[in-house]
Amino acid sequence: MKKLEEIVGQLEKGEIALEQAVELYSQGIKISADCRKELENAKLKITEEK
């Protein structure tokens, strides 16, 4: 999550080259998807325990 926040911060500044911005954006999308998957897994575990 911290890495995702760093990426967002860098993109918001707008002081990086377009090529680097695209790379950071791609990394951010992957991290976001990974986080979403982890949250869904946690939610499923909680639901199954009830």
PDB file of N, CA and C in Angstrom:
ATOM      1  N   MET A   1       0.835  -1.193   0.000  1.00  0.00           N
ATOM      2  CA  MET A   1       0.000   0.000   0.000  1.00  0.00           C
ATOM      3  C   MET A   1       0.875   1.250   0.000  1.00  0.00           C
ATOM      4  N   LYS A   2       1.967   1.193   0.761  1.00  0.00           N
ATOM      5  CA  LYS A   2       2.862   2.349   0.829  1.00  0.00           C
ATOM      6  C   LYS A   2       3.467   2.649  -0.548  1.00  0.00           C
ATOM      7  N   LYS A   3       3.856   1.599  -1.271  1.00  0.00           N
ATOM      8  CA  LYS A   3       4.428   1.786  -2.601  1.00  0.00           C
ATOM      9  C   LYS A   3       3.404   2.433  -3.533  1.00  0.00           C
ATOM     10  N   LEU A   4       2.157   2.025  -3.410  1.00  0.00           N
ATOM     11  CA  LEU A   4       1.095   2.605  -4.234  1.00  0.00           C
ATOM     12  C   LEU A   4       0.942   4.099  -3.937  1.00  0.00           C
ATOM     13  N   GLU A   5       1.012   4.461  -2.668  1.00  0.00           N
ATOM     14  CA  GLU A   5       0.929   5.870  -2.280  1.00  0.00           C
ATOM     15  C   GLU A   5       2.106   6.673  -2.851  1.00  0.00           C
ATOM     16  N   GLU A   6       3.296   6.060  -2.858  1.00  0.00           N
ATOM     17  CA  GLU A   6       4.470   6.728  -3.429  1.00  0.00           C
ATOM     18  C   GLU A   6       4.285   6.971  -4.924  1.00  0.00           C
ATOM     19  N   ILE A   7       3.759   5.972  -5.611  1.00  0.00           N
ATOM     20  CA  ILE A   7       3.530   6.091  -7.053  1.00  0.00           C
ATOM     21  C   ILE A   7       2.535   7.205  -7.339  1.00  0.00           C
ATOM     22  N   VAL A   8       1.448   7.229  -6.603  1.00  0.00           N
ATOM     23  CA  VAL A   8       0.432   8.269  -6.792  1.00  0.00           C
ATOM     24  C   VAL A   8       1.052   9.647  -6.561  1.00  0.00           C
ATOM     25  N   GLY A   9       1.854   9.765  -5.522  1.00  0.00           N
ATOM     26  CA  GLY A   9       2.506  11.039  -5.226  1.00  0.00           C
ATOM     27  C   GLY A   9       3.389  11.507  -6.369  1.00  0.00           C
ATOM     28  N   GLN A  10       4.167  10.594  -6.925  1.00  0.00           N
ATOM     29  CA  GLN A  10       5.052  10.950  -8.040  1.00  0.00           C
ATOM     30  C   GLN A  10       4.249  11.357  -9.269  1.00  0.00           C
ATOM     31  N   LEU A  11       3.171  10.629  -9.533  1.00  0.00           N
ATOM     32  CA  LEU A  11       2.354  10.961 -10.705  1.00  0.00           C
ATOM     33  C   LEU A  11       1.647  12.302 -10.529  1.00  0.00           C
ATOM     34  N   GLU A  12       1.207  12.587  -9.302  1.00  0.00           N
ATOM     35  CA  GLU A  12       0.514  13.851  -9.055  1.00  0.00           C
ATOM     36  C   GLU A  12       1.436  15.058  -9.206  1.00  0.00           C
ATOM     37  N   LYS A  13       2.701  14.879  -8.890  1.00  0.00           N
ATOM     38  CA  LYS A  13       3.657  15.983  -9.032  1.00  0.00           C
ATOM     39  C   LYS A  13       3.820  16.382 -10.491  1.00  0.00           C
ATOM     40  N   GLY A  14       3.770  15.399 -11.388  1.00  0.00           N
ATOM     41  CA  GLY A  14       3.887  15.688 -12.811  1.00  0.00           C
ATOM     42  C   GLY A  14       5.275  16.105 -13.250  1.00  0.00           C
ATOM     43  N   GLU A  15       6.286  15.798 -12.463  1.00  0.00           N
ATOM     44  CA  GLU A  15       7.649  16.222 -12.773  1.00  0.00           C
ATOM     45  C   GLU A  15       8.503  15.095 -13.349  1.00  0.00           C
ATOM     46  N   ILE A  16       7.868  14.072 -13.888  1.00  0.00           N
ATOM     47  CA  ILE A  16       8.603  12.946 -14.447  1.00  0.00           C
ATOM     48  C   ILE A  16       8.293  12.826 -15.935  1.00  0.00           C
ATOM     49  N   ALA A  17       9.190  12.142 -16.636  1.00  0.00           N
ATOM     50  CA  ALA A  17       9.010  11.944 -18.070  1.00  0.00           C
ATOM     51  C   ALA A  17       7.799  11.059 -18.335  1.00  0.00           C
ATOM     52  N   LEU A  18       7.197  11.243 -19.479  1.00  0.00           N
ATOM     53  CA  LEU A  18       6.008  10.486 -19.849  1.00  0.00           C
ATOM     54  C   LEU A  18       6.264   8.985 -19.790  1.00  0.00           C
ATOM     55  N   GLU A  19       7.396   8.554 -20.280  1.00  0.00           N
ATOM     56  CA  GLU A  19       7.734   7.128 -20.282  1.00  0.00           C
ATOM     57  C   GLU A  19       7.765   6.572 -18.854  1.00  0.00           C
ATOM     58  N   GLN A  20       8.358   7.322 -17.941  1.00  0.00           N
ATOM     59  CA  GLN A  20       8.412   6.896 -16.544  1.00  0.00           C
ATOM     60  C   GLN A  20       7.014   6.928 -15.923  1.00  0.00           C
ATOM     61  N   ALA A  21       6.219   7.921 -16.281  1.00  0.00           N
ATOM     62  CA  ALA A  21       4.858   8.024 -15.755  1.00  0.00           C
ATOM     63  C   ALA A  21       4.026   6.814 -16.183  1.00  0.00           C
ATOM     64  N   VAL A  22       4.178   6.392 -17.410  1.00  0.00           N
ATOM     65  CA  VAL A  22       3.446   5.229 -17.909  1.00  0.00           C
ATOM     66  C   VAL A  22       3.879   3.974 -17.151  1.00  0.00           C
ATOM     67  N   GLU A  23       5.178   3.837 -16.914  1.00  0.00           N
ATOM     68  CA  GLU A  23       5.691   2.688 -16.167  1.00  0.00           C
ATOM     69  C   GLU A  23       5.155   2.690 -14.737  1.00  0.00           C
ATOM     70  N   LEU A  24       5.190   3.839 -14.077  1.00  0.00           N
ATOM     71  CA  LEU A  24       4.667   3.943 -12.723  1.00  0.00           C
ATOM     72  C   LEU A  24       3.174   3.640 -12.673  1.00  0.00           C
ATOM     73  N   TYR A  25       2.450   4.141 -13.657  1.00  0.00           N
ATOM     74  CA  TYR A  25       1.012   3.877 -13.727  1.00  0.00           C
ATOM     75  C   TYR A  25       0.750   2.374 -13.841  1.00  0.00           C
ATOM     76  N   SER A  26       1.513   1.704 -14.690  1.00  0.00           N
ATOM     77  CA  SER A  26       1.363   0.256 -14.856  1.00  0.00           C
ATOM     78  C   SER A  26       1.649  -0.475 -13.553  1.00  0.00           C
ATOM     79  N   GLN A  27       2.700  -0.052 -12.859  1.00  0.00           N
ATOM     80  CA  GLN A  27       3.025  -0.661 -11.570  1.00  0.00           C
ATOM     81  C   GLN A  27       1.884  -0.426 -10.578  1.00  0.00           C
ATOM     82  N   GLY A  28       1.353   0.772 -10.571  1.00  0.00           N
ATOM     83  CA  GLY A  28       0.260   1.110  -9.676  1.00  0.00           C
ATOM     84  C   GLY A  28      -0.975   0.270  -9.919  1.00  0.00           C
ATOM     85  N   ILE A  29      -1.292   0.037 -11.175  1.00  0.00           N
ATOM     86  CA  ILE A  29      -2.446  -0.791 -11.532  1.00  0.00           C
ATOM     87  C   ILE A  29      -2.245  -2.212 -11.014  1.00  0.00           C
ATOM     88  N   LYS A  30      -1.033  -2.750 -11.181  1.00  0.00           N
ATOM     89  CA  LYS A  30      -0.749  -4.109 -10.706  1.00  0.00           C
ATOM     90  C   LYS A  30      -0.847  -4.182  -9.186  1.00  0.00           C
ATOM     91  N   ILE A  31      -0.258  -3.211  -8.497  1.00  0.00           N
ATOM     92  CA  ILE A  31      -0.313  -3.204  -7.030  1.00  0.00           C
ATOM     93  C   ILE A  31      -1.757  -3.083  -6.561  1.00  0.00           C
ATOM     94  N   SER A  32      -2.522  -2.223  -7.201  1.00  0.00           N
ATOM     95  CA  SER A  32      -3.926  -2.048  -6.850  1.00  0.00           C
ATOM     96  C   SER A  32      -4.705  -3.356  -7.016  1.00  0.00           C
ATOM     97  N   ALA A  33      -4.460  -4.060  -8.106  1.00  0.00           N
ATOM     98  CA  ALA A  33      -5.134  -5.336  -8.345  1.00  0.00           C
ATOM     99  C   ALA A  33      -4.735  -6.362  -7.288  1.00  0.00           C
ATOM    100  N   ASP A  34      -3.455  -6.381  -6.930  1.00  0.00           N
ATOM    101  CA  ASP A  34      -2.986  -7.303  -5.895  1.00  0.00           C
ATOM    102  C   ASP A  34      -3.649  -7.001  -4.549  1.00  0.00           C
ATOM    103  N   CYS A  35      -3.759  -5.738  -4.210  1.00  0.00           N
ATOM    104  CA  CYS A  35      -4.404  -5.333  -2.952  1.00  0.00           C
ATOM    105  C   CYS A  35      -5.875  -5.732  -2.950  1.00  0.00           C
ATOM    106  N   ARG A  36      -6.532  -5.495  -4.060  1.00  0.00           N
ATOM    107  CA  ARG A  36      -7.948  -5.851  -4.180  1.00  0.00           C
ATOM    108  C   ARG A  36      -8.141  -7.355  -3.994  1.00  0.00           C
ATOM    109  N   LYS A  37      -7.240  -8.139  -4.589  1.00  0.00           N
ATOM    110  CA  LYS A  37      -7.315  -9.593  -4.463  1.00  0.00           C
ATOM    111  C   LYS A  37      -7.130 -10.019  -3.006  1.00  0.00           C
ATOM    112  N   GLU A  38      -6.168  -9.414  -2.322  1.00  0.00           N
ATOM    113  CA  GLU A  38      -5.934  -9.730  -0.912  1.00  0.00           C
ATOM    114  C   GLU A  38      -7.160  -9.388  -0.061  1.00  0.00           C
ATOM    115  N   LEU A  39      -7.764  -8.247  -0.341  1.00  0.00           N
ATOM    116  CA  LEU A  39      -8.966  -7.864   0.399  1.00  0.00           C
ATOM    117  C   LEU A  39     -10.117  -8.840   0.154  1.00  0.00           C
ATOM    118  N   GLU A  40     -10.281  -9.269  -1.067  1.00  0.00           N
ATOM    119  CA  GLU A  40     -11.335 -10.231  -1.387  1.00  0.00           C
ATOM    120  C   GLU A  40     -11.082 -11.555  -0.678  1.00  0.00           C
ATOM    121  N   ASN A  41      -9.820 -11.987  -0.632  1.00  0.00           N
ATOM    122  CA  ASN A  41      -9.481 -13.222   0.066  1.00  0.00           C
ATOM    123  C   ASN A  41      -9.778 -13.102   1.555  1.00  0.00           C
ATOM    124  N   ALA A  42      -9.441 -11.967   2.146  1.00  0.00           N
ATOM    125  CA  ALA A  42      -9.710 -11.748   3.559  1.00  0.00           C
ATOM    126  C   ALA A  42     -11.219 -11.740   3.822  1.00  0.00           C
ATOM    127  N   LYS A  43     -11.954 -11.081   2.944  1.00  0.00           N
ATOM    128  CA  LYS A  43     -13.403 -11.018   3.085  1.00  0.00           C
ATOM    129  C   LYS A  43     -14.016 -12.421   2.999  1.00  0.00           C
ATOM    130  N   LEU A  44     -13.505 -13.226   2.078  1.00  0.00           N
ATOM    131  CA  LEU A  44     -13.988 -14.582   1.924  1.00  0.00           C
ATOM    132  C   LEU A  44     -13.716 -15.416   3.176  1.00  0.00           C
ATOM    133  N   LYS A  45     -12.536 -15.273   3.747  1.00  0.00           N
ATOM    134  CA  LYS A  45     -12.192 -15.998   4.976  1.00  0.00           C
ATOM    135  C   LYS A  45     -13.110 -15.601   6.118  1.00  0.00           C
ATOM    136  N   ILE A  46     -13.369 -14.312   6.249  1.00  0.00           N
ATOM    137  CA  ILE A  46     -14.255 -13.834   7.311  1.00  0.00           C
ATOM    138  C   ILE A  46     -15.665 -14.371   7.120  1.00  0.00           C
ATOM    139  N   THR A  47     -16.145 -14.352   5.901  1.00  0.00           N
ATOM    140  CA  THR A  47     -17.478 -14.845   5.581  1.00  0.00           C
ATOM    141  C   THR A  47     -17.598 -16.349   5.858  1.00  0.00           C
ATOM    142  N   GLU A  48     -16.552 -17.104   5.531  1.00  0.00           N
ATOM    143  CA  GLU A  48     -16.574 -18.545   5.733  1.00  0.00           C
ATOM    144  C   GLU A  48     -16.549 -18.905   7.219  1.00  0.00           C
ATOM    145  N   GLU A  49     -15.928 -18.071   8.041  1.00  0.00           N
ATOM    146  CA  GLU A  49     -15.812 -18.346   9.470  1.00  0.00           C
ATOM    147  C   GLU A  49     -17.123 -18.107  10.218  1.00  0.00           C
ATOM    148  N   LYS A  50     -18.012 -17.378   9.626  1.00  0.00           N
ATOM    149  CA  LYS A  50     -19.289 -17.069  10.304  1.00  0.00           C
ATOM    150  C   LYS A  50     -20.211 -18.238  10.316  1.00  0.00           C
TER     151      LYS A  50
END
